[in-house]
Amino acid sequence: MTTQDMLDERYGRRRSPGRRWILALGGVLAVGAVVLFGWFTVQGALDSVDSDTTSFEVADEHSVTLGFQITSPPGAAVACAIEAQDEEHGVVGWRVVEIPASDVHARAFREVIPTTALATTGFVNSCWVLPPEAS
């Protein structure tokens, strides 16, 4: 009998093989959760669309011409919400533009936003990848 066994017997401690299995199972579940989180993060990054407003021109009180560029996954159709605002940051024009799929990673566009009042700015609010059946 080892010293550890004698101490365990003397003070009533027992070694349980079930506890090791519980700890091992907990470790496996923790690793699985980390891998799953990593996969969702990578998958979300692969389908992300970046947009930058490159110019805007207020034509008159009824329209704004917006220049913008997008960086999207090749072969994916994209939709962008473009917006015009007045000097008090009120939305005076808004439109969703659907961009067909292309093999090119970065593309530039010019779109007209109809407005209900004189705008002072135009910009891309957000862009997203369209599901395959929508393209």
N, C-alpha and C. Protein backbone atom coordinates (compact mmCIF):
# COMPACT_ATOMS: atom_id res chain seq x y z
N MET A 1 0.85 -1.16 0.00
CA MET A 1 0.00 0.00 0.00
C MET A 1 0.90 1.24 0.00
N THR A 2 0.55 2.21 -0.89
CA THR A 2 1.36 3.43 -0.98
C THR A 2 0.96 4.41 0.11
N THR A 3 1.78 5.39 0.27
CA THR A 3 1.49 6.41 1.27
C THR A 3 0.18 7.13 0.96
N GLN A 4 -0.02 7.41 -0.31
CA GLN A 4 -1.26 8.09 -0.72
C GLN A 4 -2.47 7.23 -0.38
N ASP A 5 -2.38 5.91 -0.65
CA ASP A 5 -3.49 5.01 -0.32
C ASP A 5 -3.75 4.99 1.18
N MET A 6 -2.68 4.98 1.98
CA MET A 6 -2.85 4.97 3.44
C MET A 6 -3.51 6.27 3.91
N LEU A 7 -3.09 7.40 3.34
CA LEU A 7 -3.70 8.67 3.73
C LEU A 7 -5.16 8.73 3.31
N ASP A 8 -5.45 8.24 2.10
CA ASP A 8 -6.83 8.23 1.62
C ASP A 8 -7.71 7.36 2.52
N GLU A 9 -7.19 6.20 2.91
CA GLU A 9 -7.95 5.30 3.78
C GLU A 9 -8.13 5.91 5.15
N ARG A 10 -7.09 6.55 5.68
CA ARG A 10 -7.14 7.12 7.02
C ARG A 10 -8.15 8.26 7.09
N TYR A 11 -8.19 9.13 6.06
CA TYR A 11 -9.05 10.30 6.11
C TYR A 11 -10.35 10.13 5.31
N GLY A 12 -10.61 8.96 4.83
CA GLY A 12 -11.89 8.65 4.20
C GLY A 12 -12.05 9.19 2.79
N ARG A 13 -10.96 9.48 2.12
CA ARG A 13 -11.06 9.93 0.73
C ARG A 13 -11.09 8.72 -0.18
N ARG A 14 -11.91 8.82 -1.21
CA ARG A 14 -11.98 7.72 -2.17
C ARG A 14 -11.71 8.27 -3.56
N ARG A 15 -11.04 7.49 -4.33
CA ARG A 15 -10.84 7.85 -5.73
C ARG A 15 -11.96 7.22 -6.53
N SER A 16 -12.61 8.07 -7.32
CA SER A 16 -13.72 7.57 -8.11
C SER A 16 -13.35 7.63 -9.59
N PRO A 17 -13.36 6.48 -10.27
CA PRO A 17 -13.05 6.52 -11.71
C PRO A 17 -14.13 7.26 -12.49
N GLY A 18 -15.35 7.36 -11.97
CA GLY A 18 -16.43 8.08 -12.64
C GLY A 18 -16.13 9.56 -12.75
N ARG A 19 -15.42 10.10 -11.77
CA ARG A 19 -15.10 11.52 -11.79
C ARG A 19 -14.16 11.85 -12.96
N ARG A 20 -13.25 10.98 -13.24
CA ARG A 20 -12.35 11.20 -14.37
C ARG A 20 -13.13 11.23 -15.68
N TRP A 21 -14.10 10.34 -15.80
CA TRP A 21 -14.92 10.33 -17.02
C TRP A 21 -15.73 11.61 -17.15
N ILE A 22 -16.23 12.11 -16.06
CA ILE A 22 -17.00 13.36 -16.10
C ILE A 22 -16.11 14.52 -16.52
N LEU A 23 -14.91 14.58 -15.96
CA LEU A 23 -13.97 15.63 -16.34
C LEU A 23 -13.56 15.50 -17.81
N ALA A 24 -13.32 14.28 -18.25
CA ALA A 24 -12.94 14.07 -19.66
C ALA A 24 -14.08 14.48 -20.59
N LEU A 25 -15.31 14.10 -20.24
CA LEU A 25 -16.47 14.47 -21.05
C LEU A 25 -16.64 15.99 -21.08
N GLY A 26 -16.46 16.63 -19.94
CA GLY A 26 -16.54 18.10 -19.89
C GLY A 26 -15.48 18.74 -20.77
N GLY A 27 -14.27 18.19 -20.76
CA GLY A 27 -13.21 18.72 -21.62
C GLY A 27 -13.53 18.56 -23.09
N VAL A 28 -14.06 17.39 -23.46
CA VAL A 28 -14.43 17.15 -24.86
C VAL A 28 -15.55 18.10 -25.28
N LEU A 29 -16.54 18.33 -24.43
CA LEU A 29 -17.62 19.25 -24.75
C LEU A 29 -17.10 20.69 -24.89
N ALA A 30 -16.17 21.08 -24.03
CA ALA A 30 -15.60 22.43 -24.11
C ALA A 30 -14.83 22.62 -25.43
N VAL A 31 -14.04 21.64 -25.80
CA VAL A 31 -13.29 21.71 -27.07
C VAL A 31 -14.27 21.76 -28.24
N GLY A 32 -15.33 20.96 -28.19
CA GLY A 32 -16.33 20.96 -29.25
C GLY A 32 -17.02 22.31 -29.37
N ALA A 33 -17.32 22.96 -28.24
CA ALA A 33 -17.96 24.28 -28.28
C ALA A 33 -17.03 25.32 -28.90
N VAL A 34 -15.75 25.26 -28.57
CA VAL A 34 -14.77 26.20 -29.14
C VAL A 34 -14.65 25.99 -30.65
N VAL A 35 -14.60 24.74 -31.08
CA VAL A 35 -14.50 24.45 -32.52
C VAL A 35 -15.76 24.93 -33.24
N LEU A 36 -16.92 24.70 -32.68
CA LEU A 36 -18.18 25.14 -33.29
C LEU A 36 -18.24 26.66 -33.39
N PHE A 37 -17.85 27.35 -32.34
CA PHE A 37 -17.81 28.82 -32.35
C PHE A 37 -16.85 29.32 -33.43
N GLY A 38 -15.70 28.69 -33.53
CA GLY A 38 -14.72 29.06 -34.56
C GLY A 38 -15.27 28.86 -35.96
N TRP A 39 -15.96 27.76 -36.17
CA TRP A 39 -16.54 27.48 -37.49
C TRP A 39 -17.57 28.55 -37.87
N PHE A 40 -18.46 28.90 -36.93
CA PHE A 40 -19.47 29.92 -37.23
C PHE A 40 -18.81 31.27 -37.49
N THR A 41 -17.75 31.59 -36.80
CA THR A 41 -17.04 32.84 -37.02
C THR A 41 -16.42 32.88 -38.41
N VAL A 42 -15.75 31.80 -38.80
CA VAL A 42 -15.13 31.75 -40.13
C VAL A 42 -16.19 31.78 -41.21
N GLN A 43 -17.27 31.04 -41.05
CA GLN A 43 -18.34 31.01 -42.04
C GLN A 43 -18.97 32.39 -42.21
N GLY A 44 -19.15 33.11 -41.12
CA GLY A 44 -19.69 34.46 -41.20
C GLY A 44 -18.75 35.41 -41.92
N ALA A 45 -17.46 35.25 -41.71
CA ALA A 45 -16.47 36.11 -42.37
C ALA A 45 -16.41 35.82 -43.87
N LEU A 46 -16.60 34.58 -44.26
CA LEU A 46 -16.55 34.23 -45.67
C LEU A 46 -17.71 34.84 -46.45
N ASP A 47 -18.84 35.04 -45.80
CA ASP A 47 -20.02 35.60 -46.46
C ASP A 47 -20.19 37.10 -46.19
N SER A 48 -19.17 37.77 -45.69
CA SER A 48 -19.32 39.18 -45.35
C SER A 48 -19.13 40.06 -46.60
N VAL A 49 -19.77 41.20 -46.55
CA VAL A 49 -19.67 42.19 -47.63
C VAL A 49 -19.23 43.50 -47.00
N ASP A 50 -18.17 44.08 -47.55
CA ASP A 50 -17.71 45.39 -47.10
C ASP A 50 -18.12 46.42 -48.14
N SER A 51 -18.52 47.59 -47.67
CA SER A 51 -18.92 48.65 -48.59
C SER A 51 -18.30 49.97 -48.15
N ASP A 52 -18.00 50.80 -49.12
CA ASP A 52 -17.46 52.13 -48.87
C ASP A 52 -18.15 53.12 -49.80
N THR A 53 -18.58 54.23 -49.23
CA THR A 53 -19.13 55.31 -50.05
C THR A 53 -17.96 56.08 -50.64
N THR A 54 -17.93 56.23 -51.95
CA THR A 54 -16.83 56.93 -52.60
C THR A 54 -17.21 58.35 -53.01
N SER A 55 -18.50 58.60 -53.25
CA SER A 55 -18.92 59.96 -53.62
C SER A 55 -20.43 60.07 -53.51
N PHE A 56 -20.89 61.30 -53.42
CA PHE A 56 -22.32 61.57 -53.56
C PHE A 56 -22.47 62.94 -54.18
N GLU A 57 -23.53 63.09 -54.96
CA GLU A 57 -23.79 64.36 -55.62
C GLU A 57 -25.28 64.63 -55.52
N VAL A 58 -25.62 65.75 -54.91
CA VAL A 58 -27.01 66.16 -54.79
C VAL A 58 -27.38 66.83 -56.10
N ALA A 59 -28.18 66.14 -56.89
CA ALA A 59 -28.57 66.67 -58.20
C ALA A 59 -29.59 67.79 -58.04
N ASP A 60 -30.63 67.54 -57.27
CA ASP A 60 -31.66 68.53 -56.97
C ASP A 60 -32.41 68.03 -55.75
N GLU A 61 -33.56 68.62 -55.45
CA GLU A 61 -34.29 68.22 -54.25
C GLU A 61 -35.01 66.88 -54.40
N HIS A 62 -34.88 66.26 -55.59
CA HIS A 62 -35.57 65.00 -55.82
C HIS A 62 -34.64 63.81 -56.02
N SER A 63 -33.33 64.03 -56.01
CA SER A 63 -32.44 62.88 -56.22
C SER A 63 -31.00 63.17 -55.77
N VAL A 64 -30.34 62.09 -55.40
CA VAL A 64 -28.92 62.09 -55.04
C VAL A 64 -28.26 60.95 -55.81
N THR A 65 -27.11 61.22 -56.41
CA THR A 65 -26.35 60.17 -57.07
C THR A 65 -25.26 59.72 -56.12
N LEU A 66 -25.23 58.43 -55.85
CA LEU A 66 -24.30 57.87 -54.88
C LEU A 66 -23.28 56.99 -55.58
N GLY A 67 -22.01 57.20 -55.29
CA GLY A 67 -20.95 56.33 -55.77
C GLY A 67 -20.46 55.47 -54.61
N PHE A 68 -20.34 54.18 -54.83
CA PHE A 68 -19.88 53.29 -53.76
C PHE A 68 -19.19 52.08 -54.36
N GLN A 69 -18.43 51.42 -53.53
CA GLN A 69 -17.78 50.18 -53.96
C GLN A 69 -18.04 49.11 -52.91
N ILE A 70 -18.09 47.88 -53.38
CA ILE A 70 -18.31 46.75 -52.47
C ILE A 70 -17.20 45.73 -52.67
N THR A 71 -16.91 45.02 -51.62
CA THR A 71 -16.02 43.86 -51.67
C THR A 71 -16.85 42.69 -51.17
N SER A 72 -17.08 41.72 -52.05
CA SER A 72 -17.98 40.61 -51.71
C SER A 72 -17.37 39.29 -52.16
N PRO A 73 -17.91 38.17 -51.65
CA PRO A 73 -17.42 36.87 -52.09
C PRO A 73 -17.70 36.67 -53.58
N PRO A 74 -16.72 36.23 -54.36
CA PRO A 74 -16.95 35.99 -55.78
C PRO A 74 -18.07 34.96 -55.99
N GLY A 75 -18.92 35.22 -56.97
CA GLY A 75 -20.00 34.30 -57.29
C GLY A 75 -21.24 34.46 -56.44
N ALA A 76 -21.28 35.50 -55.60
CA ALA A 76 -22.44 35.70 -54.72
C ALA A 76 -23.17 36.98 -55.11
N ALA A 77 -24.49 36.90 -55.21
CA ALA A 77 -25.30 38.10 -55.44
C ALA A 77 -25.41 38.87 -54.13
N VAL A 78 -25.46 40.18 -54.23
CA VAL A 78 -25.43 41.05 -53.06
C VAL A 78 -26.57 42.05 -53.15
N ALA A 79 -27.08 42.47 -52.02
CA ALA A 79 -28.05 43.56 -51.94
C ALA A 79 -27.48 44.62 -51.00
N CYS A 80 -27.69 45.89 -51.35
CA CYS A 80 -27.21 47.00 -50.52
C CYS A 80 -28.36 47.97 -50.28
N ALA A 81 -28.50 48.43 -49.05
CA ALA A 81 -29.45 49.48 -48.71
C ALA A 81 -28.70 50.80 -48.78
N ILE A 82 -29.12 51.68 -49.69
CA ILE A 82 -28.48 52.98 -49.82
C ILE A 82 -29.46 54.05 -49.34
N GLU A 83 -28.91 55.14 -48.80
CA GLU A 83 -29.74 56.08 -48.07
C GLU A 83 -29.30 57.52 -48.34
N ALA A 84 -30.25 58.44 -48.34
CA ALA A 84 -29.98 59.87 -48.42
C ALA A 84 -30.59 60.53 -47.18
N GLN A 85 -29.85 61.49 -46.61
CA GLN A 85 -30.32 62.18 -45.41
C GLN A 85 -30.26 63.68 -45.61
N ASP A 86 -31.10 64.39 -44.85
CA ASP A 86 -31.07 65.85 -44.88
C ASP A 86 -30.11 66.37 -43.82
N GLU A 87 -30.06 67.69 -43.67
CA GLU A 87 -29.08 68.27 -42.75
C GLU A 87 -29.34 67.93 -41.28
N GLU A 88 -30.54 67.50 -40.94
CA GLU A 88 -30.86 67.10 -39.57
C GLU A 88 -30.78 65.59 -39.38
N HIS A 89 -30.15 64.90 -40.34
CA HIS A 89 -29.96 63.44 -40.33
C HIS A 89 -31.28 62.67 -40.45
N GLY A 90 -32.28 63.31 -40.99
CA GLY A 90 -33.53 62.62 -41.28
C GLY A 90 -33.42 61.92 -42.63
N VAL A 91 -33.99 60.74 -42.72
CA VAL A 91 -33.93 59.98 -43.97
C VAL A 91 -34.93 60.58 -44.95
N VAL A 92 -34.41 61.04 -46.10
CA VAL A 92 -35.28 61.61 -47.14
C VAL A 92 -35.31 60.75 -48.39
N GLY A 93 -34.50 59.71 -48.42
CA GLY A 93 -34.50 58.78 -49.54
C GLY A 93 -33.84 57.48 -49.14
N TRP A 94 -34.38 56.37 -49.66
CA TRP A 94 -33.87 55.05 -49.26
C TRP A 94 -34.20 54.07 -50.35
N ARG A 95 -33.26 53.18 -50.63
CA ARG A 95 -33.48 52.22 -51.71
C ARG A 95 -32.61 50.99 -51.49
N VAL A 96 -33.12 49.82 -51.89
CA VAL A 96 -32.33 48.59 -51.86
C VAL A 96 -31.94 48.27 -53.30
N VAL A 97 -30.63 48.09 -53.49
CA VAL A 97 -30.08 47.80 -54.81
C VAL A 97 -29.60 46.36 -54.81
N GLU A 98 -30.09 45.55 -55.75
CA GLU A 98 -29.61 44.17 -55.88
C GLU A 98 -28.54 44.11 -56.95
N ILE A 99 -27.40 43.54 -56.57
CA ILE A 99 -26.24 43.47 -57.45
C ILE A 99 -26.03 42.01 -57.85
N PRO A 100 -26.04 41.70 -59.14
CA PRO A 100 -25.90 40.31 -59.56
C PRO A 100 -24.52 39.74 -59.21
N ALA A 101 -24.45 38.42 -59.16
CA ALA A 101 -23.20 37.73 -58.85
C ALA A 101 -22.15 38.00 -59.92
N SER A 102 -20.90 38.00 -59.50
CA SER A 102 -19.79 38.22 -60.42
C SER A 102 -18.56 37.49 -59.89
N ASP A 103 -17.63 37.19 -60.78
CA ASP A 103 -16.38 36.55 -60.35
C ASP A 103 -15.38 37.56 -59.81
N VAL A 104 -15.70 38.84 -59.94
CA VAL A 104 -14.82 39.91 -59.46
C VAL A 104 -15.07 40.14 -57.98
N HIS A 105 -13.99 40.29 -57.22
CA HIS A 105 -14.07 40.44 -55.76
C HIS A 105 -14.52 41.85 -55.35
N ALA A 106 -14.01 42.88 -56.01
CA ALA A 106 -14.33 44.27 -55.68
C ALA A 106 -14.91 44.96 -56.91
N ARG A 107 -16.01 45.69 -56.69
CA ARG A 107 -16.68 46.37 -57.79
C ARG A 107 -17.16 47.75 -57.34
N ALA A 108 -17.28 48.66 -58.30
CA ALA A 108 -17.74 50.02 -58.02
C ALA A 108 -19.06 50.26 -58.75
N PHE A 109 -19.93 51.10 -58.15
CA PHE A 109 -21.25 51.37 -58.70
C PHE A 109 -21.62 52.83 -58.51
N ARG A 110 -22.55 53.31 -59.32
CA ARG A 110 -23.19 54.62 -59.15
C ARG A 110 -24.69 54.38 -59.26
N GLU A 111 -25.41 54.83 -58.26
CA GLU A 111 -26.86 54.64 -58.23
C GLU A 111 -27.54 55.95 -57.85
N VAL A 112 -28.74 56.16 -58.36
CA VAL A 112 -29.54 57.34 -58.04
C VAL A 112 -30.54 56.97 -56.95
N ILE A 113 -30.61 57.82 -55.92
CA ILE A 113 -31.57 57.64 -54.83
C ILE A 113 -32.64 58.72 -54.98
N PRO A 114 -33.90 58.33 -55.23
CA PRO A 114 -34.96 59.34 -55.26
C PRO A 114 -35.20 59.87 -53.84
N THR A 115 -35.42 61.18 -53.71
CA THR A 115 -35.61 61.78 -52.39
C THR A 115 -36.93 62.54 -52.32
N THR A 116 -37.41 62.73 -51.12
CA THR A 116 -38.66 63.46 -50.89
C THR A 116 -38.41 64.91 -50.54
N ALA A 117 -37.16 65.25 -50.22
CA ALA A 117 -36.76 66.62 -49.89
C ALA A 117 -35.29 66.76 -50.25
N LEU A 118 -34.76 67.98 -50.10
CA LEU A 118 -33.36 68.23 -50.41
C LEU A 118 -32.46 67.45 -49.45
N ALA A 119 -31.58 66.64 -49.99
CA ALA A 119 -30.65 65.85 -49.18
C ALA A 119 -29.32 66.59 -49.06
N THR A 120 -28.58 66.26 -48.02
CA THR A 120 -27.24 66.83 -47.86
C THR A 120 -26.17 65.75 -47.92
N THR A 121 -26.57 64.49 -47.88
CA THR A 121 -25.59 63.40 -47.93
C THR A 121 -26.25 62.13 -48.45
N GLY A 122 -25.41 61.23 -48.93
CA GLY A 122 -25.85 59.91 -49.35
C GLY A 122 -24.79 58.91 -48.95
N PHE A 123 -25.21 57.72 -48.57
CA PHE A 123 -24.24 56.70 -48.14
C PHE A 123 -24.85 55.31 -48.22
N VAL A 124 -23.99 54.31 -48.09
CA VAL A 124 -24.43 52.91 -48.05
C VAL A 124 -24.73 52.57 -46.59
N ASN A 125 -25.97 52.21 -46.31
CA ASN A 125 -26.35 51.85 -44.96
C ASN A 125 -25.81 50.47 -44.60
N SER A 126 -26.05 49.47 -45.45
CA SER A 126 -25.55 48.11 -45.20
C SER A 126 -25.65 47.29 -46.48
N CYS A 127 -24.85 46.21 -46.53
CA CYS A 127 -24.89 45.26 -47.63
C CYS A 127 -24.88 43.85 -47.09
N TRP A 128 -25.46 42.91 -47.83
CA TRP A 128 -25.50 41.52 -47.40
C TRP A 128 -25.53 40.61 -48.62
N VAL A 129 -25.11 39.37 -48.40
CA VAL A 129 -25.13 38.36 -49.46
C VAL A 129 -26.55 37.82 -49.56
N LEU A 130 -27.04 37.73 -50.79
CA LEU A 130 -28.37 37.17 -51.01
C LEU A 130 -28.31 35.66 -51.03
N PRO A 131 -29.35 34.97 -50.57
CA PRO A 131 -29.38 33.52 -50.67
C PRO A 131 -29.32 33.09 -52.14
N PRO A 132 -28.77 31.91 -52.42
CA PRO A 132 -28.61 31.47 -53.82
C PRO A 132 -29.91 31.46 -54.63
N GLU A 133 -31.04 31.16 -54.03
CA GLU A 133 -32.30 31.10 -54.78
C GLU A 133 -32.81 32.48 -55.13
N ALA A 134 -32.33 33.52 -54.47
CA ALA A 134 -32.82 34.89 -54.75
C ALA A 134 -32.04 35.51 -55.90
N SER A 135 -30.92 34.94 -56.29
CA SER A 135 -30.10 35.59 -57.33
C SER A 135 -30.49 35.17 -58.72
